[in-house]
Amino acid sequence: MLFPVMRTSNNWLDNAFNDLFSDSALSRMNSTAPAVNVKDTENAYVMEVAVPGIKKEFCRVNIDDDGNLEIAIENKLEHKEENKKEHYLRREFSYSNYQQSYILPEDVDREKISAKVLNGVLEIELPKVVKSEQKVQRKIEIG
């Protein structure tokens, strides 16, 4: 099972207070969390992240320094309209940002993780480590 990374501390009130007034709190409040599905198949876990209208260039999937799966989605939309007669420039733009880290299960092969965007869904395949089913027979020397 994949779990979002959570902070741990003995004092939950300090954490709540610090999180509320941190520099990144405003950006987290303005971001929208996409829907996430996780399937457990025989050979892999498959994450499906809803990213309607988002191009693959705005999606990032990484393994961070702690070995967690990090998903980042950034969407920039800008509309320019120019009226040459009056030399008027009008701009409308929006920006949204989402970033989340997930603790990976022990049986994920971190070297073989792949991702693709298709029909508004970011699909991340997390292959499971292949366990050798062959029984190894060998003679053990007694010393």
N, C-alpha and C. Protein backbone atom coordinates (compact mmCIF):
# COMPACT_ATOMS: atom_id res chain seq x y z
N MET A 1 0.84 -1.18 0.00
CA MET A 1 0.00 0.00 0.00
C MET A 1 0.89 1.24 0.00
N LEU A 2 0.52 2.24 -0.76
CA LEU A 2 1.26 3.50 -0.81
C LEU A 2 0.63 4.48 0.17
N PHE A 3 1.44 5.14 0.96
CA PHE A 3 0.94 6.10 1.91
C PHE A 3 1.61 7.45 1.70
N PRO A 4 0.85 8.56 1.80
CA PRO A 4 1.49 9.87 1.74
C PRO A 4 2.47 10.02 2.89
N VAL A 5 3.56 10.73 2.66
CA VAL A 5 4.56 10.95 3.70
C VAL A 5 3.99 11.91 4.72
N MET A 6 4.06 11.52 5.97
CA MET A 6 3.59 12.37 7.06
C MET A 6 4.75 12.70 7.99
N ARG A 7 4.69 13.87 8.60
CA ARG A 7 5.71 14.23 9.59
C ARG A 7 5.35 13.59 10.92
N THR A 8 6.37 13.26 11.69
CA THR A 8 6.12 12.71 12.99
C THR A 8 6.78 13.59 14.04
N SER A 9 6.06 13.81 15.12
CA SER A 9 6.58 14.60 16.22
C SER A 9 5.77 14.25 17.45
N ASN A 10 6.35 14.48 18.61
CA ASN A 10 5.63 14.21 19.84
C ASN A 10 4.60 15.28 20.13
N ASN A 11 4.79 16.48 19.58
CA ASN A 11 3.89 17.57 19.88
C ASN A 11 3.07 17.93 18.64
N TRP A 12 1.86 17.40 18.56
CA TRP A 12 1.02 17.62 17.39
C TRP A 12 0.59 19.08 17.27
N LEU A 13 0.43 19.78 18.40
CA LEU A 13 -0.01 21.18 18.34
C LEU A 13 1.06 22.06 17.71
N ASP A 14 2.33 21.84 18.07
CA ASP A 14 3.41 22.61 17.45
C ASP A 14 3.45 22.36 15.94
N ASN A 15 3.30 21.10 15.53
CA ASN A 15 3.30 20.78 14.11
C ASN A 15 2.15 21.48 13.38
N ALA A 16 0.95 21.44 13.95
CA ALA A 16 -0.20 22.08 13.32
C ALA A 16 0.01 23.58 13.21
N PHE A 17 0.50 24.19 14.27
CA PHE A 17 0.73 25.64 14.27
C PHE A 17 1.81 26.02 13.26
N ASN A 18 2.93 25.28 13.26
CA ASN A 18 4.02 25.58 12.33
C ASN A 18 3.60 25.35 10.88
N ASP A 19 2.83 24.29 10.63
CA ASP A 19 2.36 24.03 9.27
C ASP A 19 1.43 25.13 8.78
N LEU A 20 0.57 25.63 9.67
CA LEU A 20 -0.39 26.65 9.27
C LEU A 20 0.30 27.95 8.88
N PHE A 21 1.38 28.29 9.56
CA PHE A 21 2.04 29.57 9.31
C PHE A 21 3.37 29.44 8.56
N SER A 22 3.60 28.32 7.94
CA SER A 22 4.84 28.14 7.19
C SER A 22 4.74 28.87 5.85
N ASP A 23 5.90 29.06 5.21
CA ASP A 23 5.95 29.75 3.92
C ASP A 23 5.19 29.00 2.84
N SER A 24 5.16 27.68 2.94
CA SER A 24 4.50 26.90 1.89
C SER A 24 3.01 26.69 2.14
N ALA A 25 2.49 27.17 3.27
CA ALA A 25 1.08 26.94 3.59
C ALA A 25 0.16 27.58 2.57
N LEU A 26 0.47 28.80 2.15
CA LEU A 26 -0.40 29.49 1.19
C LEU A 26 -0.43 28.74 -0.14
N SER A 27 0.73 28.27 -0.60
CA SER A 27 0.74 27.55 -1.87
C SER A 27 -0.03 26.24 -1.76
N ARG A 28 0.02 25.57 -0.59
CA ARG A 28 -0.74 24.34 -0.40
C ARG A 28 -2.24 24.62 -0.37
N MET A 29 -2.64 25.77 0.21
CA MET A 29 -4.06 26.10 0.27
C MET A 29 -4.61 26.41 -1.11
N ASN A 30 -3.78 26.97 -1.99
CA ASN A 30 -4.22 27.33 -3.33
C ASN A 30 -4.16 26.16 -4.29
N SER A 31 -3.55 25.07 -3.90
CA SER A 31 -3.43 23.94 -4.81
C SER A 31 -4.63 23.01 -4.66
N THR A 32 -4.90 22.29 -5.70
CA THR A 32 -5.99 21.34 -5.70
C THR A 32 -5.38 19.95 -5.82
N ALA A 33 -5.76 19.07 -4.94
CA ALA A 33 -5.23 17.72 -4.97
C ALA A 33 -6.02 16.88 -5.97
N PRO A 34 -5.34 16.26 -6.91
CA PRO A 34 -6.04 15.41 -7.88
C PRO A 34 -6.46 14.09 -7.24
N ALA A 35 -7.45 13.46 -7.86
CA ALA A 35 -7.89 12.14 -7.41
C ALA A 35 -6.80 11.13 -7.76
N VAL A 36 -6.56 10.19 -6.85
CA VAL A 36 -5.52 9.18 -7.05
C VAL A 36 -6.12 7.80 -6.79
N ASN A 37 -5.96 6.90 -7.75
CA ASN A 37 -6.33 5.49 -7.60
C ASN A 37 -5.05 4.67 -7.52
N VAL A 38 -5.05 3.62 -6.71
CA VAL A 38 -3.90 2.70 -6.64
C VAL A 38 -4.44 1.29 -6.80
N LYS A 39 -3.92 0.59 -7.83
CA LYS A 39 -4.30 -0.80 -8.06
C LYS A 39 -3.12 -1.70 -7.68
N ASP A 40 -3.44 -2.84 -7.11
CA ASP A 40 -2.44 -3.86 -6.78
C ASP A 40 -2.66 -5.03 -7.71
N THR A 41 -1.75 -5.20 -8.68
CA THR A 41 -1.85 -6.32 -9.61
C THR A 41 -0.82 -7.37 -9.20
N GLU A 42 -0.79 -8.46 -9.93
CA GLU A 42 0.14 -9.54 -9.61
C GLU A 42 1.60 -9.10 -9.72
N ASN A 43 1.91 -8.28 -10.75
CA ASN A 43 3.30 -7.92 -11.01
C ASN A 43 3.67 -6.48 -10.67
N ALA A 44 2.67 -5.65 -10.33
CA ALA A 44 2.97 -4.24 -10.09
C ALA A 44 1.85 -3.54 -9.33
N TYR A 45 2.20 -2.39 -8.76
CA TYR A 45 1.21 -1.45 -8.26
C TYR A 45 1.06 -0.41 -9.38
N VAL A 46 -0.15 0.04 -9.61
CA VAL A 46 -0.38 1.04 -10.65
C VAL A 46 -1.12 2.22 -10.01
N MET A 47 -0.50 3.40 -10.09
CA MET A 47 -1.13 4.62 -9.59
C MET A 47 -1.74 5.35 -10.78
N GLU A 48 -2.96 5.83 -10.61
CA GLU A 48 -3.63 6.64 -11.62
C GLU A 48 -3.94 7.98 -10.97
N VAL A 49 -3.37 9.04 -11.53
CA VAL A 49 -3.55 10.39 -10.99
C VAL A 49 -4.32 11.20 -12.02
N ALA A 50 -5.46 11.77 -11.63
CA ALA A 50 -6.28 12.55 -12.55
C ALA A 50 -5.59 13.88 -12.86
N VAL A 51 -5.26 14.08 -14.14
CA VAL A 51 -4.61 15.32 -14.59
C VAL A 51 -5.30 15.83 -15.87
N PRO A 52 -6.61 16.07 -15.85
CA PRO A 52 -7.30 16.48 -17.07
C PRO A 52 -6.77 17.82 -17.59
N GLY A 53 -6.47 17.84 -18.88
CA GLY A 53 -6.00 19.07 -19.51
C GLY A 53 -4.54 19.40 -19.25
N ILE A 54 -3.82 18.58 -18.52
CA ILE A 54 -2.42 18.84 -18.19
C ILE A 54 -1.54 18.07 -19.17
N LYS A 55 -0.58 18.77 -19.77
CA LYS A 55 0.36 18.12 -20.67
C LYS A 55 1.42 17.39 -19.85
N LYS A 56 2.01 16.36 -20.48
CA LYS A 56 3.02 15.57 -19.76
C LYS A 56 4.23 16.41 -19.35
N GLU A 57 4.49 17.50 -20.07
CA GLU A 57 5.63 18.37 -19.74
C GLU A 57 5.47 19.03 -18.38
N PHE A 58 4.24 19.11 -17.88
CA PHE A 58 3.98 19.76 -16.60
C PHE A 58 3.91 18.76 -15.44
N CYS A 59 4.18 17.49 -15.71
CA CYS A 59 4.15 16.44 -14.68
C CYS A 59 5.58 15.97 -14.41
N ARG A 60 5.91 15.77 -13.14
CA ARG A 60 7.21 15.23 -12.76
C ARG A 60 7.00 14.09 -11.78
N VAL A 61 7.75 13.01 -11.99
CA VAL A 61 7.72 11.87 -11.08
C VAL A 61 9.17 11.54 -10.75
N ASN A 62 9.51 11.54 -9.47
CA ASN A 62 10.89 11.31 -9.02
C ASN A 62 10.91 10.40 -7.81
N ILE A 63 12.08 9.84 -7.55
CA ILE A 63 12.35 9.19 -6.28
C ILE A 63 13.22 10.18 -5.51
N ASP A 64 12.78 10.59 -4.31
CA ASP A 64 13.53 11.58 -3.56
C ASP A 64 14.69 10.94 -2.79
N ASP A 65 15.43 11.76 -2.04
CA ASP A 65 16.61 11.28 -1.31
C ASP A 65 16.27 10.23 -0.26
N ASP A 66 15.02 10.22 0.22
CA ASP A 66 14.60 9.25 1.23
C ASP A 66 14.01 7.98 0.61
N GLY A 67 14.01 7.89 -0.74
CA GLY A 67 13.47 6.71 -1.41
C GLY A 67 11.97 6.74 -1.58
N ASN A 68 11.34 7.91 -1.38
CA ASN A 68 9.89 8.04 -1.54
C ASN A 68 9.57 8.47 -2.97
N LEU A 69 8.38 8.10 -3.43
CA LEU A 69 7.90 8.52 -4.74
C LEU A 69 7.34 9.93 -4.62
N GLU A 70 7.84 10.83 -5.45
CA GLU A 70 7.40 12.22 -5.42
C GLU A 70 6.70 12.55 -6.73
N ILE A 71 5.47 13.05 -6.63
CA ILE A 71 4.70 13.45 -7.81
C ILE A 71 4.49 14.95 -7.73
N ALA A 72 4.82 15.65 -8.81
CA ALA A 72 4.61 17.10 -8.87
C ALA A 72 3.91 17.44 -10.18
N ILE A 73 2.88 18.27 -10.06
CA ILE A 73 2.12 18.69 -11.23
C ILE A 73 2.01 20.21 -11.17
N GLU A 74 2.37 20.85 -12.26
CA GLU A 74 2.32 22.31 -12.31
C GLU A 74 1.58 22.68 -13.58
N ASN A 75 0.59 23.55 -13.46
CA ASN A 75 -0.20 23.95 -14.62
C ASN A 75 -0.18 25.47 -14.74
N LYS A 76 0.25 25.95 -15.89
CA LYS A 76 0.27 27.37 -16.18
C LYS A 76 -0.62 27.61 -17.40
N LEU A 77 -1.53 28.53 -17.28
CA LEU A 77 -2.40 28.87 -18.39
C LEU A 77 -2.35 30.37 -18.57
N GLU A 78 -2.00 30.81 -19.75
CA GLU A 78 -1.89 32.24 -20.01
C GLU A 78 -2.61 32.56 -21.31
N HIS A 79 -3.39 33.60 -21.28
CA HIS A 79 -4.13 34.05 -22.47
C HIS A 79 -3.78 35.51 -22.71
N LYS A 80 -3.29 35.81 -23.89
CA LYS A 80 -2.93 37.19 -24.25
C LYS A 80 -3.88 37.67 -25.34
N GLU A 81 -4.28 38.91 -25.21
CA GLU A 81 -5.13 39.51 -26.22
C GLU A 81 -4.63 40.93 -26.46
N GLU A 82 -4.34 41.25 -27.68
CA GLU A 82 -3.79 42.56 -27.98
C GLU A 82 -4.68 43.29 -28.97
N ASN A 83 -4.96 44.56 -28.69
CA ASN A 83 -5.73 45.40 -29.58
C ASN A 83 -4.76 46.46 -30.11
N LYS A 84 -4.28 46.31 -31.31
CA LYS A 84 -3.26 47.20 -31.87
C LYS A 84 -3.77 48.62 -32.07
N LYS A 85 -5.08 48.76 -32.32
CA LYS A 85 -5.66 50.07 -32.57
C LYS A 85 -5.51 50.99 -31.35
N GLU A 86 -5.71 50.44 -30.17
CA GLU A 86 -5.64 51.24 -28.95
C GLU A 86 -4.39 50.93 -28.13
N HIS A 87 -3.54 50.06 -28.64
CA HIS A 87 -2.32 49.63 -27.93
C HIS A 87 -2.64 49.10 -26.52
N TYR A 88 -3.65 48.29 -26.49
CA TYR A 88 -4.09 47.73 -25.21
C TYR A 88 -3.67 46.27 -25.16
N LEU A 89 -3.09 45.86 -24.05
CA LEU A 89 -2.70 44.47 -23.84
C LEU A 89 -3.48 43.93 -22.64
N ARG A 90 -4.14 42.81 -22.84
CA ARG A 90 -4.90 42.19 -21.75
C ARG A 90 -4.35 40.80 -21.51
N ARG A 91 -4.13 40.45 -20.27
CA ARG A 91 -3.61 39.13 -19.92
C ARG A 91 -4.49 38.49 -18.88
N GLU A 92 -4.76 37.24 -19.09
CA GLU A 92 -5.41 36.43 -18.07
C GLU A 92 -4.53 35.20 -17.89
N PHE A 93 -4.24 34.86 -16.66
CA PHE A 93 -3.42 33.68 -16.43
C PHE A 93 -3.85 33.02 -15.12
N SER A 94 -3.54 31.77 -15.04
CA SER A 94 -3.80 31.02 -13.80
C SER A 94 -2.62 30.09 -13.58
N TYR A 95 -2.48 29.68 -12.36
CA TYR A 95 -1.37 28.82 -11.99
C TYR A 95 -1.86 27.88 -10.90
N SER A 96 -1.58 26.61 -11.04
CA SER A 96 -1.88 25.65 -9.98
C SER A 96 -0.68 24.72 -9.82
N ASN A 97 -0.51 24.23 -8.62
CA ASN A 97 0.66 23.45 -8.27
C ASN A 97 0.24 22.36 -7.30
N TYR A 98 0.73 21.15 -7.52
CA TYR A 98 0.46 20.03 -6.62
C TYR A 98 1.74 19.24 -6.46
N GLN A 99 2.06 18.90 -5.23
CA GLN A 99 3.23 18.06 -4.98
C GLN A 99 2.93 17.17 -3.79
N GLN A 100 3.21 15.88 -3.93
CA GLN A 100 2.97 14.92 -2.86
C GLN A 100 4.02 13.82 -2.92
N SER A 101 4.47 13.39 -1.76
CA SER A 101 5.40 12.26 -1.67
C SER A 101 4.67 11.06 -1.09
N TYR A 102 5.01 9.88 -1.59
CA TYR A 102 4.39 8.64 -1.13
C TYR A 102 5.48 7.67 -0.68
N ILE A 103 5.25 7.01 0.43
CA ILE A 103 6.15 5.97 0.91
C ILE A 103 5.91 4.74 0.04
N LEU A 104 6.96 4.23 -0.58
CA LEU A 104 6.83 3.06 -1.45
C LEU A 104 6.87 1.77 -0.64
N PRO A 105 6.10 0.78 -1.05
CA PRO A 105 6.18 -0.53 -0.40
C PRO A 105 7.58 -1.14 -0.60
N GLU A 106 7.94 -2.02 0.28
CA GLU A 106 9.26 -2.67 0.23
C GLU A 106 9.48 -3.47 -1.05
N ASP A 107 8.40 -4.01 -1.62
CA ASP A 107 8.56 -4.90 -2.77
C ASP A 107 8.53 -4.19 -4.12
N VAL A 108 8.69 -2.87 -4.16
CA VAL A 108 8.73 -2.13 -5.43
C VAL A 108 10.15 -2.09 -5.96
N ASP A 109 10.31 -2.42 -7.24
CA ASP A 109 11.61 -2.34 -7.91
C ASP A 109 11.80 -0.89 -8.37
N ARG A 110 12.50 -0.10 -7.58
CA ARG A 110 12.64 1.33 -7.82
C ARG A 110 13.35 1.65 -9.14
N GLU A 111 14.12 0.73 -9.67
CA GLU A 111 14.85 0.95 -10.92
C GLU A 111 13.95 0.82 -12.15
N LYS A 112 12.78 0.21 -12.01
CA LYS A 112 11.94 -0.07 -13.17
C LYS A 112 10.63 0.72 -13.18
N ILE A 113 10.50 1.75 -12.35
CA ILE A 113 9.28 2.56 -12.30
C ILE A 113 9.15 3.33 -13.62
N SER A 114 7.94 3.36 -14.17
CA SER A 114 7.69 4.10 -15.41
C SER A 114 6.41 4.91 -15.26
N ALA A 115 6.26 5.94 -16.12
CA ALA A 115 5.08 6.79 -16.05
C ALA A 115 4.72 7.26 -17.45
N LYS A 116 3.41 7.53 -17.64
CA LYS A 116 2.93 8.08 -18.90
C LYS A 116 1.65 8.86 -18.63
N VAL A 117 1.35 9.81 -19.51
CA VAL A 117 0.11 10.56 -19.44
C VAL A 117 -0.72 10.18 -20.67
N LEU A 118 -1.95 9.74 -20.42
CA LEU A 118 -2.82 9.34 -21.51
C LEU A 118 -4.27 9.65 -21.12
N ASN A 119 -4.96 10.40 -21.99
CA ASN A 119 -6.37 10.73 -21.78
C ASN A 119 -6.65 11.36 -20.41
N GLY A 120 -5.80 12.28 -19.99
CA GLY A 120 -6.03 13.00 -18.74
C GLY A 120 -5.69 12.24 -17.48
N VAL A 121 -4.93 11.15 -17.62
CA VAL A 121 -4.53 10.36 -16.46
C VAL A 121 -3.02 10.14 -16.48
N LEU A 122 -2.36 10.51 -15.40
CA LEU A 122 -0.95 10.20 -15.21
C LEU A 122 -0.91 8.80 -14.59
N GLU A 123 -0.35 7.85 -15.35
CA GLU A 123 -0.28 6.47 -14.87
C GLU A 123 1.16 6.14 -14.51
N ILE A 124 1.36 5.71 -13.27
CA ILE A 124 2.69 5.38 -12.79
C ILE A 124 2.69 3.89 -12.46
N GLU A 125 3.56 3.15 -13.15
CA GLU A 125 3.66 1.71 -12.90
C GLU A 125 4.84 1.46 -11.97
N LEU A 126 4.55 0.78 -10.88
CA LEU A 126 5.55 0.47 -9.86
C LEU A 126 5.72 -1.05 -9.82
N PRO A 127 6.63 -1.58 -10.67
CA PRO A 127 6.80 -3.04 -10.73
C PRO A 127 7.26 -3.62 -9.40
N LYS A 128 6.76 -4.80 -9.12
CA LYS A 128 7.19 -5.51 -7.91
C LYS A 128 8.48 -6.25 -8.19
N VAL A 129 9.28 -6.42 -7.17
CA VAL A 129 10.53 -7.16 -7.30
C VAL A 129 10.18 -8.61 -7.64
N VAL A 130 10.85 -9.14 -8.65
CA VAL A 130 10.60 -10.51 -9.07
C VAL A 130 11.35 -11.44 -8.13
N LYS A 131 10.59 -12.31 -7.50
CA LYS A 131 11.19 -13.28 -6.59
C LYS A 131 11.50 -14.54 -7.39
N SER A 132 12.68 -15.03 -7.23
CA SER A 132 13.07 -16.24 -7.94
C SER A 132 12.28 -17.42 -7.39
N GLU A 133 11.62 -18.10 -8.30
CA GLU A 133 10.82 -19.25 -7.88
C GLU A 133 11.59 -20.56 -7.96
N GLN A 134 12.81 -20.47 -8.49
CA GLN A 134 13.61 -21.69 -8.56
C GLN A 134 14.18 -22.00 -7.19
N LYS A 135 14.16 -23.24 -6.85
CA LYS A 135 14.78 -23.66 -5.61
C LYS A 135 16.26 -23.84 -5.88
N VAL A 136 17.05 -23.20 -5.07
CA VAL A 136 18.49 -23.30 -5.24
C VAL A 136 19.00 -24.48 -4.45
N GLN A 137 19.63 -25.40 -5.14
CA GLN A 137 20.19 -26.55 -4.47
C GLN A 137 21.71 -26.41 -4.49
N ARG A 138 22.29 -26.60 -3.36
CA ARG A 138 23.75 -26.57 -3.30
C ARG A 138 24.19 -27.36 -2.08
N LYS A 139 25.40 -27.78 -2.16
CA LYS A 139 25.99 -28.54 -1.06
C LYS A 139 26.67 -27.54 -0.15
N ILE A 140 26.41 -27.66 1.12
CA ILE A 140 27.01 -26.76 2.10
C ILE A 140 28.10 -27.53 2.83
N GLU A 141 29.28 -26.96 2.74
CA GLU A 141 30.42 -27.59 3.41
C GLU A 141 30.34 -27.37 4.91
N ILE A 142 30.67 -28.41 5.63
CA ILE A 142 30.67 -28.34 7.10
C ILE A 142 32.10 -28.19 7.54
N GLY A 143 32.38 -27.12 8.27
CA GLY A 143 33.75 -26.83 8.65
C GLY A 143 34.14 -27.27 10.01
